[in-house]
Amino acid sequence: MAVAATSARADSAPTGEDAHTFNPNEAGLIRLYGDPEPGTMQAMNFTSYMKGWKPGSKESSHRADNDYTEIQFTGCSVNPTGGSSVTVRLRQAIPFSQDKSMGDKTFTACFNGGTSKGEWSAHYDGGDNRYFTIPKINGSTSIEGSLDVAKVYVDTSKAD
């Protein structure tokens, strides 16, 4: 069986607007890395906020962690219904298996002008990335309102 093929020289045919030859020395290009950048360590602490969280609807970013996690909420509100408590569940991601719950903490002080704080000191074999979810607001898994938190602080190092 014979196969016939034709080929055009690469520089003889016009290219479309989306065709581009990569040149690593081109001005304005920046190198994008996954988290963390090679040769650096992942940040142990981070500050963020939450907006529009309902029970079971979202999860925080996954963070590499070994044996300790502290989560703080400041400025909690539930809109439009009002709020008095939020349950924070820390989970450990287990690759190719079901993630494991590391336990729940109920935060109330953040609804009254204070800061709520929960600490977890445990580790499951098979994974080291942790994240948190919100399984309950005001003690309920289904609520009309959604949770906003003005400041979320996550610390993954007991040393500081």
N, C-alpha and C. Protein backbone atom coordinates (compact mmCIF):
# COMPACT_ATOMS: atom_id res chain seq x y z
N MET A 1 0.85 -1.17 0.00
CA MET A 1 0.00 0.00 0.00
C MET A 1 0.89 1.23 0.00
N ALA A 2 0.63 2.12 -0.88
CA ALA A 2 1.42 3.34 -0.98
C ALA A 2 0.68 4.49 -0.32
N VAL A 3 1.42 5.32 0.35
CA VAL A 3 0.84 6.50 1.00
C VAL A 3 1.46 7.72 0.35
N ALA A 4 0.63 8.59 -0.11
CA ALA A 4 1.12 9.81 -0.74
C ALA A 4 0.85 10.98 0.18
N ALA A 5 1.78 11.88 0.29
CA ALA A 5 1.61 13.06 1.13
C ALA A 5 2.30 14.23 0.48
N THR A 6 1.80 15.39 0.74
CA THR A 6 2.46 16.59 0.27
C THR A 6 2.78 17.47 1.45
N SER A 7 3.77 18.26 1.30
CA SER A 7 4.19 19.13 2.38
C SER A 7 4.56 20.47 1.81
N ALA A 8 4.13 21.52 2.48
CA ALA A 8 4.51 22.87 2.06
C ALA A 8 5.62 23.35 2.98
N ARG A 9 6.49 24.18 2.43
CA ARG A 9 7.53 24.75 3.27
C ARG A 9 6.88 25.59 4.35
N ALA A 10 7.43 25.58 5.54
CA ALA A 10 6.84 26.28 6.68
C ALA A 10 6.71 27.78 6.44
N ASP A 11 7.64 28.36 5.69
CA ASP A 11 7.60 29.81 5.51
C ASP A 11 6.85 30.23 4.24
N SER A 12 6.28 29.27 3.51
CA SER A 12 5.63 29.64 2.26
C SER A 12 4.14 29.93 2.42
N ALA A 13 3.53 29.46 3.49
CA ALA A 13 2.10 29.66 3.69
C ALA A 13 1.86 30.73 4.75
N PRO A 14 0.89 31.63 4.51
CA PRO A 14 0.60 32.64 5.53
C PRO A 14 -0.01 31.97 6.77
N THR A 15 0.24 32.55 7.91
CA THR A 15 -0.31 32.02 9.15
C THR A 15 -1.46 32.88 9.61
N GLY A 16 -2.34 32.30 10.42
CA GLY A 16 -3.47 33.04 10.97
C GLY A 16 -3.00 33.97 12.08
N GLU A 17 -3.93 34.81 12.54
CA GLU A 17 -3.59 35.77 13.59
C GLU A 17 -3.22 35.10 14.91
N ASP A 18 -3.73 33.89 15.14
CA ASP A 18 -3.46 33.24 16.41
C ASP A 18 -2.19 32.39 16.39
N ALA A 19 -1.55 32.27 15.26
CA ALA A 19 -0.31 31.49 15.19
C ALA A 19 0.85 32.35 15.68
N HIS A 20 1.68 31.76 16.52
CA HIS A 20 2.81 32.51 17.07
C HIS A 20 3.92 31.54 17.41
N THR A 21 5.11 31.88 17.06
CA THR A 21 6.27 31.09 17.43
C THR A 21 6.79 31.61 18.76
N PHE A 22 6.93 30.72 19.71
CA PHE A 22 7.39 31.11 21.04
C PHE A 22 8.85 31.51 21.01
N ASN A 23 9.15 32.64 21.60
CA ASN A 23 10.52 33.12 21.75
C ASN A 23 10.70 33.47 23.23
N PRO A 24 11.47 32.68 23.99
CA PRO A 24 11.60 32.93 25.42
C PRO A 24 12.26 34.25 25.76
N ASN A 25 12.90 34.88 24.80
CA ASN A 25 13.57 36.17 25.06
C ASN A 25 12.71 37.37 24.68
N GLU A 26 11.48 37.11 24.27
CA GLU A 26 10.59 38.19 23.85
C GLU A 26 10.26 39.11 25.03
N ALA A 27 10.33 40.39 24.81
CA ALA A 27 10.06 41.37 25.87
C ALA A 27 8.62 41.23 26.35
N GLY A 28 8.43 41.36 27.65
CA GLY A 28 7.09 41.34 28.22
C GLY A 28 6.61 39.99 28.67
N LEU A 29 7.32 38.92 28.34
CA LEU A 29 6.90 37.60 28.78
C LEU A 29 7.35 37.37 30.22
N ILE A 30 6.49 36.75 30.99
CA ILE A 30 6.87 36.36 32.35
C ILE A 30 6.66 34.87 32.50
N ARG A 31 7.43 34.26 33.32
CA ARG A 31 7.33 32.83 33.55
C ARG A 31 6.28 32.58 34.63
N LEU A 32 5.34 31.70 34.35
CA LEU A 32 4.31 31.36 35.32
C LEU A 32 4.63 30.01 35.92
N TYR A 33 4.55 29.93 37.22
CA TYR A 33 4.82 28.69 37.94
C TYR A 33 3.56 28.23 38.64
N GLY A 34 3.52 26.96 38.92
CA GLY A 34 2.50 26.45 39.82
C GLY A 34 2.86 26.92 41.22
N ASP A 35 2.11 26.51 42.20
CA ASP A 35 2.34 26.95 43.58
C ASP A 35 3.06 25.84 44.31
N PRO A 36 4.18 26.03 44.87
CA PRO A 36 4.98 27.24 44.93
C PRO A 36 5.97 27.32 43.76
N GLU A 37 6.57 28.48 43.58
CA GLU A 37 7.57 28.69 42.54
C GLU A 37 8.78 27.81 42.86
N PRO A 38 9.42 27.20 41.84
CA PRO A 38 10.58 26.35 42.10
C PRO A 38 11.65 27.07 42.93
N GLY A 39 12.18 26.38 43.90
CA GLY A 39 13.24 26.94 44.74
C GLY A 39 12.71 27.76 45.91
N THR A 40 11.40 27.85 46.05
CA THR A 40 10.83 28.60 47.18
C THR A 40 9.91 27.69 47.97
N MET A 41 9.55 28.16 49.14
CA MET A 41 8.60 27.41 49.97
C MET A 41 7.23 28.05 49.85
N GLN A 42 6.20 27.23 49.98
CA GLN A 42 4.85 27.74 49.97
C GLN A 42 4.63 28.58 51.23
N ALA A 43 3.91 29.67 51.07
CA ALA A 43 3.63 30.52 52.23
C ALA A 43 2.91 29.71 53.30
N MET A 44 3.35 29.87 54.55
CA MET A 44 2.73 29.13 55.63
C MET A 44 1.47 29.81 56.13
N ASN A 45 1.38 31.11 55.99
CA ASN A 45 0.23 31.86 56.46
C ASN A 45 -0.36 32.64 55.30
N PHE A 46 -1.67 32.82 55.31
CA PHE A 46 -2.26 33.71 54.33
C PHE A 46 -3.51 34.35 54.90
N THR A 47 -3.84 35.51 54.35
CA THR A 47 -5.02 36.26 54.76
C THR A 47 -5.91 36.44 53.54
N SER A 48 -7.21 36.29 53.73
CA SER A 48 -8.14 36.43 52.63
C SER A 48 -9.49 36.89 53.18
N TYR A 49 -10.55 36.67 52.44
CA TYR A 49 -11.91 36.97 52.89
C TYR A 49 -12.84 35.97 52.23
N MET A 50 -14.09 35.94 52.69
CA MET A 50 -15.09 35.05 52.11
C MET A 50 -16.34 35.86 51.80
N LYS A 51 -16.97 35.54 50.70
CA LYS A 51 -18.20 36.24 50.33
C LYS A 51 -19.16 35.25 49.68
N GLY A 52 -20.37 35.20 50.21
CA GLY A 52 -21.42 34.39 49.60
C GLY A 52 -21.31 32.89 49.80
N TRP A 53 -20.73 32.46 50.93
CA TRP A 53 -20.61 31.02 51.19
C TRP A 53 -21.90 30.49 51.82
N LYS A 54 -22.41 29.40 51.28
CA LYS A 54 -23.54 28.67 51.86
C LYS A 54 -23.01 27.33 52.37
N PRO A 55 -23.72 26.69 53.28
CA PRO A 55 -23.23 25.40 53.79
C PRO A 55 -22.97 24.41 52.66
N GLY A 56 -21.76 23.87 52.64
CA GLY A 56 -21.39 22.85 51.66
C GLY A 56 -21.19 23.35 50.25
N SER A 57 -21.21 24.67 50.03
CA SER A 57 -21.15 25.19 48.66
C SER A 57 -19.74 25.43 48.14
N LYS A 58 -18.78 25.64 49.02
CA LYS A 58 -17.43 25.98 48.57
C LYS A 58 -16.40 25.35 49.50
N GLU A 59 -15.14 25.40 49.06
CA GLU A 59 -14.04 24.98 49.91
C GLU A 59 -12.90 25.97 49.72
N SER A 60 -12.08 26.10 50.76
CA SER A 60 -10.94 27.01 50.67
C SER A 60 -9.89 26.43 49.74
N SER A 61 -8.88 27.22 49.45
CA SER A 61 -7.76 26.70 48.67
C SER A 61 -7.07 25.61 49.47
N HIS A 62 -6.47 24.68 48.78
CA HIS A 62 -5.75 23.58 49.43
C HIS A 62 -4.34 24.07 49.75
N ARG A 63 -3.88 23.79 50.96
CA ARG A 63 -2.57 24.24 51.41
C ARG A 63 -1.78 23.05 51.93
N ALA A 64 -0.50 22.98 51.55
CA ALA A 64 0.38 21.96 52.10
C ALA A 64 0.55 22.23 53.58
N ASP A 65 0.41 21.21 54.37
CA ASP A 65 0.37 21.41 55.81
C ASP A 65 0.84 20.13 56.50
N ASN A 66 1.55 20.30 57.58
CA ASN A 66 2.01 19.15 58.35
C ASN A 66 1.61 19.30 59.80
N ASP A 67 0.57 18.64 60.19
CA ASP A 67 0.18 18.45 61.59
C ASP A 67 -0.43 19.64 62.31
N TYR A 68 -0.47 20.84 61.74
CA TYR A 68 -1.05 21.97 62.48
C TYR A 68 -1.73 22.94 61.52
N THR A 69 -2.93 23.35 61.89
CA THR A 69 -3.64 24.39 61.14
C THR A 69 -4.41 25.25 62.13
N GLU A 70 -4.30 26.56 61.96
CA GLU A 70 -5.10 27.51 62.74
C GLU A 70 -5.88 28.36 61.75
N ILE A 71 -7.18 28.51 62.01
CA ILE A 71 -8.05 29.33 61.17
C ILE A 71 -8.71 30.38 62.05
N GLN A 72 -8.67 31.64 61.60
CA GLN A 72 -9.31 32.74 62.32
C GLN A 72 -10.27 33.46 61.39
N PHE A 73 -11.46 33.79 61.92
CA PHE A 73 -12.44 34.60 61.19
C PHE A 73 -12.67 35.87 61.98
N THR A 74 -12.69 37.02 61.30
CA THR A 74 -13.03 38.30 61.90
C THR A 74 -14.06 38.98 61.00
N GLY A 75 -15.11 39.51 61.60
CA GLY A 75 -16.13 40.22 60.83
C GLY A 75 -17.07 39.31 60.08
N CYS A 76 -17.76 38.41 60.80
CA CYS A 76 -18.70 37.48 60.18
C CYS A 76 -20.09 38.10 60.08
N SER A 77 -20.77 37.82 58.98
CA SER A 77 -22.17 38.23 58.84
C SER A 77 -22.87 37.25 57.92
N VAL A 78 -24.17 37.06 58.17
CA VAL A 78 -25.00 36.22 57.33
C VAL A 78 -26.07 37.12 56.73
N ASN A 79 -26.11 37.18 55.42
CA ASN A 79 -27.05 38.08 54.74
C ASN A 79 -28.04 37.26 53.92
N PRO A 80 -29.32 37.56 53.93
CA PRO A 80 -29.96 38.66 54.63
C PRO A 80 -30.55 38.28 55.98
N THR A 81 -30.31 37.06 56.46
CA THR A 81 -31.05 36.57 57.63
C THR A 81 -30.43 36.89 58.97
N GLY A 82 -29.17 37.29 59.02
CA GLY A 82 -28.48 37.49 60.29
C GLY A 82 -27.87 36.18 60.76
N GLY A 83 -26.82 36.29 61.58
CA GLY A 83 -26.14 35.07 61.99
C GLY A 83 -25.59 35.15 63.39
N SER A 84 -25.35 33.97 63.97
CA SER A 84 -24.76 33.89 65.30
C SER A 84 -23.67 32.84 65.40
N SER A 85 -23.60 31.91 64.42
CA SER A 85 -22.55 30.89 64.48
C SER A 85 -22.28 30.33 63.09
N VAL A 86 -21.05 29.84 62.93
CA VAL A 86 -20.65 29.15 61.71
C VAL A 86 -19.78 27.97 62.12
N THR A 87 -20.00 26.83 61.49
CA THR A 87 -19.20 25.64 61.74
C THR A 87 -18.13 25.54 60.66
N VAL A 88 -16.88 25.43 61.10
CA VAL A 88 -15.74 25.31 60.20
C VAL A 88 -15.22 23.88 60.29
N ARG A 89 -15.12 23.21 59.16
CA ARG A 89 -14.62 21.82 59.13
C ARG A 89 -13.31 21.80 58.36
N LEU A 90 -12.26 21.32 59.01
CA LEU A 90 -10.97 21.14 58.34
C LEU A 90 -10.95 19.75 57.72
N ARG A 91 -10.50 19.68 56.47
CA ARG A 91 -10.42 18.40 55.77
C ARG A 91 -9.01 18.21 55.25
N GLN A 92 -8.61 16.96 55.17
CA GLN A 92 -7.31 16.62 54.59
C GLN A 92 -7.55 15.88 53.29
N ALA A 93 -6.97 16.41 52.21
CA ALA A 93 -7.12 15.78 50.90
C ALA A 93 -6.28 14.51 50.85
N ILE A 94 -6.91 13.42 50.46
CA ILE A 94 -6.23 12.13 50.33
C ILE A 94 -6.31 11.75 48.85
N PRO A 95 -5.19 11.80 48.11
CA PRO A 95 -5.22 11.49 46.68
C PRO A 95 -5.79 10.10 46.41
N PHE A 96 -6.65 10.00 45.41
CA PHE A 96 -7.25 8.75 44.96
C PHE A 96 -8.07 8.07 46.05
N SER A 97 -8.58 8.84 46.98
CA SER A 97 -9.41 8.30 48.05
C SER A 97 -10.32 9.41 48.55
N GLN A 98 -11.20 9.07 49.48
CA GLN A 98 -12.09 10.07 50.05
C GLN A 98 -11.33 10.95 51.03
N ASP A 99 -11.51 12.27 50.92
CA ASP A 99 -10.87 13.19 51.86
C ASP A 99 -11.42 12.94 53.26
N LYS A 100 -10.59 13.24 54.26
CA LYS A 100 -10.97 12.94 55.64
C LYS A 100 -11.23 14.22 56.43
N SER A 101 -12.29 14.17 57.23
CA SER A 101 -12.60 15.28 58.12
C SER A 101 -11.65 15.24 59.31
N MET A 102 -11.12 16.39 59.67
CA MET A 102 -10.24 16.49 60.83
C MET A 102 -10.98 17.10 62.01
N GLY A 103 -12.27 17.30 61.85
CA GLY A 103 -13.09 17.81 62.94
C GLY A 103 -13.67 19.18 62.66
N ASP A 104 -14.68 19.52 63.46
CA ASP A 104 -15.40 20.78 63.32
C ASP A 104 -15.12 21.70 64.50
N LYS A 105 -15.17 23.00 64.24
CA LYS A 105 -15.11 24.04 65.28
C LYS A 105 -16.26 24.99 65.00
N THR A 106 -16.94 25.43 66.05
CA THR A 106 -18.03 26.39 65.91
C THR A 106 -17.52 27.77 66.29
N PHE A 107 -17.63 28.71 65.36
CA PHE A 107 -17.17 30.08 65.56
C PHE A 107 -18.37 30.97 65.87
N THR A 108 -18.28 31.75 66.96
CA THR A 108 -19.34 32.69 67.33
C THR A 108 -18.83 34.10 67.55
N ALA A 109 -17.63 34.26 68.09
CA ALA A 109 -17.10 35.59 68.45
C ALA A 109 -17.02 36.52 67.25
N CYS A 110 -16.79 35.98 66.06
CA CYS A 110 -16.65 36.83 64.87
C CYS A 110 -17.95 37.53 64.50
N PHE A 111 -19.08 37.08 65.05
CA PHE A 111 -20.36 37.73 64.80
C PHE A 111 -20.60 38.90 65.75
N ASN A 112 -19.77 39.02 66.80
CA ASN A 112 -19.96 40.04 67.83
C ASN A 112 -18.80 41.02 67.90
N GLY A 113 -18.09 41.21 66.81
CA GLY A 113 -16.98 42.17 66.78
C GLY A 113 -15.64 41.59 67.18
N GLY A 114 -15.59 40.31 67.55
CA GLY A 114 -14.33 39.68 67.94
C GLY A 114 -13.75 38.83 66.82
N THR A 115 -12.76 38.04 67.19
CA THR A 115 -12.13 37.09 66.26
C THR A 115 -12.35 35.68 66.78
N SER A 116 -12.85 34.81 65.93
CA SER A 116 -13.01 33.40 66.27
C SER A 116 -11.78 32.65 65.78
N LYS A 117 -11.36 31.66 66.57
CA LYS A 117 -10.13 30.93 66.25
C LYS A 117 -10.33 29.44 66.51
N GLY A 118 -9.88 28.63 65.57
CA GLY A 118 -9.89 27.19 65.73
C GLY A 118 -8.52 26.63 65.39
N GLU A 119 -8.08 25.64 66.16
CA GLU A 119 -6.79 24.98 65.93
C GLU A 119 -7.00 23.49 65.76
N TRP A 120 -6.26 22.90 64.83
CA TRP A 120 -6.28 21.47 64.60
C TRP A 120 -4.84 20.97 64.61
N SER A 121 -4.58 19.92 65.36
CA SER A 121 -3.24 19.32 65.44
C SER A 121 -3.37 17.82 65.24
N ALA A 122 -3.40 17.40 64.00
CA ALA A 122 -3.53 15.98 63.68
C ALA A 122 -3.06 15.78 62.25
N HIS A 123 -2.89 14.54 61.86
CA HIS A 123 -2.46 14.24 60.50
C HIS A 123 -2.92 12.84 60.13
N TYR A 124 -3.42 12.69 58.92
CA TYR A 124 -3.76 11.37 58.39
C TYR A 124 -2.71 10.98 57.37
N ASP A 125 -2.38 9.71 57.32
CA ASP A 125 -1.44 9.22 56.31
C ASP A 125 -2.08 9.31 54.93
N GLY A 126 -1.25 9.48 53.93
CA GLY A 126 -1.72 9.45 52.56
C GLY A 126 -1.99 10.79 51.92
N GLY A 127 -1.81 11.87 52.65
CA GLY A 127 -2.05 13.19 52.06
C GLY A 127 -1.56 14.28 52.99
N ASP A 128 -1.23 15.44 52.43
CA ASP A 128 -0.77 16.53 53.29
C ASP A 128 -1.39 17.88 52.93
N ASN A 129 -2.32 17.90 51.98
CA ASN A 129 -2.99 19.16 51.66
C ASN A 129 -4.28 19.27 52.46
N ARG A 130 -4.47 20.43 53.08
CA ARG A 130 -5.65 20.66 53.90
C ARG A 130 -6.45 21.82 53.35
N TYR A 131 -7.73 21.79 53.63
CA TYR A 131 -8.63 22.87 53.24
C TYR A 131 -9.80 22.88 54.20
N PHE A 132 -10.56 23.98 54.21
CA PHE A 132 -11.73 24.00 55.09
C PHE A 132 -13.00 24.21 54.29
N THR A 133 -14.10 23.76 54.89
CA THR A 133 -15.43 23.95 54.34
C THR A 133 -16.31 24.53 55.44
N ILE A 134 -17.50 24.95 55.05
CA ILE A 134 -18.49 25.47 55.99
C ILE A 134 -19.71 24.54 55.90
N PRO A 135 -19.83 23.54 56.80
CA PRO A 135 -20.97 22.63 56.71
C PRO A 135 -22.26 23.19 57.32
N LYS A 136 -22.15 24.17 58.24
CA LYS A 136 -23.34 24.71 58.89
C LYS A 136 -23.21 26.21 59.14
N ILE A 137 -24.31 26.90 58.99
CA ILE A 137 -24.43 28.29 59.40
C ILE A 137 -25.62 28.37 60.34
N ASN A 138 -25.45 28.98 61.50
CA ASN A 138 -26.49 29.03 62.53
C ASN A 138 -27.00 27.63 62.88
N GLY A 139 -26.10 26.64 62.84
CA GLY A 139 -26.45 25.27 63.21
C GLY A 139 -27.22 24.50 62.16
N SER A 140 -27.39 25.07 60.97
CA SER A 140 -28.20 24.43 59.94
C SER A 140 -27.39 24.16 58.68
N THR A 141 -27.68 23.02 58.04
CA THR A 141 -27.02 22.69 56.77
C THR A 141 -27.74 23.33 55.59
N SER A 142 -28.92 23.85 55.82
CA SER A 142 -29.63 24.57 54.75
C SER A 142 -30.17 25.86 55.34
N ILE A 143 -29.77 26.97 54.75
CA ILE A 143 -30.15 28.28 55.27
C ILE A 143 -30.35 29.21 54.08
N GLU A 144 -31.26 30.14 54.24
CA GLU A 144 -31.55 31.07 53.16
C GLU A 144 -30.40 32.04 52.91
N GLY A 145 -29.72 32.45 53.96
CA GLY A 145 -28.66 33.44 53.82
C GLY A 145 -27.33 32.83 53.42
N SER A 146 -26.35 33.70 53.22
CA SER A 146 -24.99 33.26 52.90
C SER A 146 -24.00 33.99 53.80
N LEU A 147 -22.87 33.35 54.04
CA LEU A 147 -21.86 33.85 54.96
C LEU A 147 -20.85 34.73 54.25
N ASP A 148 -20.57 35.88 54.86
CA ASP A 148 -19.46 36.75 54.46
C ASP A 148 -18.52 36.87 55.65
N VAL A 149 -17.22 36.82 55.41
CA VAL A 149 -16.22 37.01 56.46
C VAL A 149 -15.24 38.06 55.95
N ALA A 150 -15.12 39.16 56.69
CA ALA A 150 -14.26 40.27 56.26
C ALA A 150 -12.79 39.88 56.23
N LYS A 151 -12.34 39.06 57.21
CA LYS A 151 -10.93 38.65 57.25
C LYS A 151 -10.84 37.18 57.65
N VAL A 152 -10.18 36.40 56.81
CA VAL A 152 -9.89 34.99 57.08
C VAL A 152 -8.38 34.88 57.16
N TYR A 153 -7.89 34.36 58.27
CA TYR A 153 -6.45 34.17 58.45
C TYR A 153 -6.20 32.68 58.66
N VAL A 154 -5.29 32.11 57.87
CA VAL A 154 -4.93 30.70 58.00
C VAL A 154 -3.44 30.61 58.27
N ASP A 155 -3.10 29.92 59.35
CA ASP A 155 -1.72 29.74 59.78
C ASP A 155 -1.43 28.24 59.76
N THR A 156 -0.40 27.83 59.04
CA THR A 156 -0.06 26.40 58.96
C THR A 156 1.25 26.08 59.67
N SER A 157 1.66 26.98 60.56
CA SER A 157 2.88 26.73 61.31
C SER A 157 2.67 27.12 62.76
N LYS A 158 2.75 26.16 63.66
CA LYS A 158 2.56 26.45 65.08
C LYS A 158 3.70 27.31 65.63
N ALA A 159 4.82 27.33 64.95
CA ALA A 159 6.01 28.06 65.43
C ALA A 159 5.78 29.56 65.53
N ASP A 160 4.91 30.11 64.71
CA ASP A 160 4.71 31.56 64.76
C ASP A 160 3.45 31.85 65.45
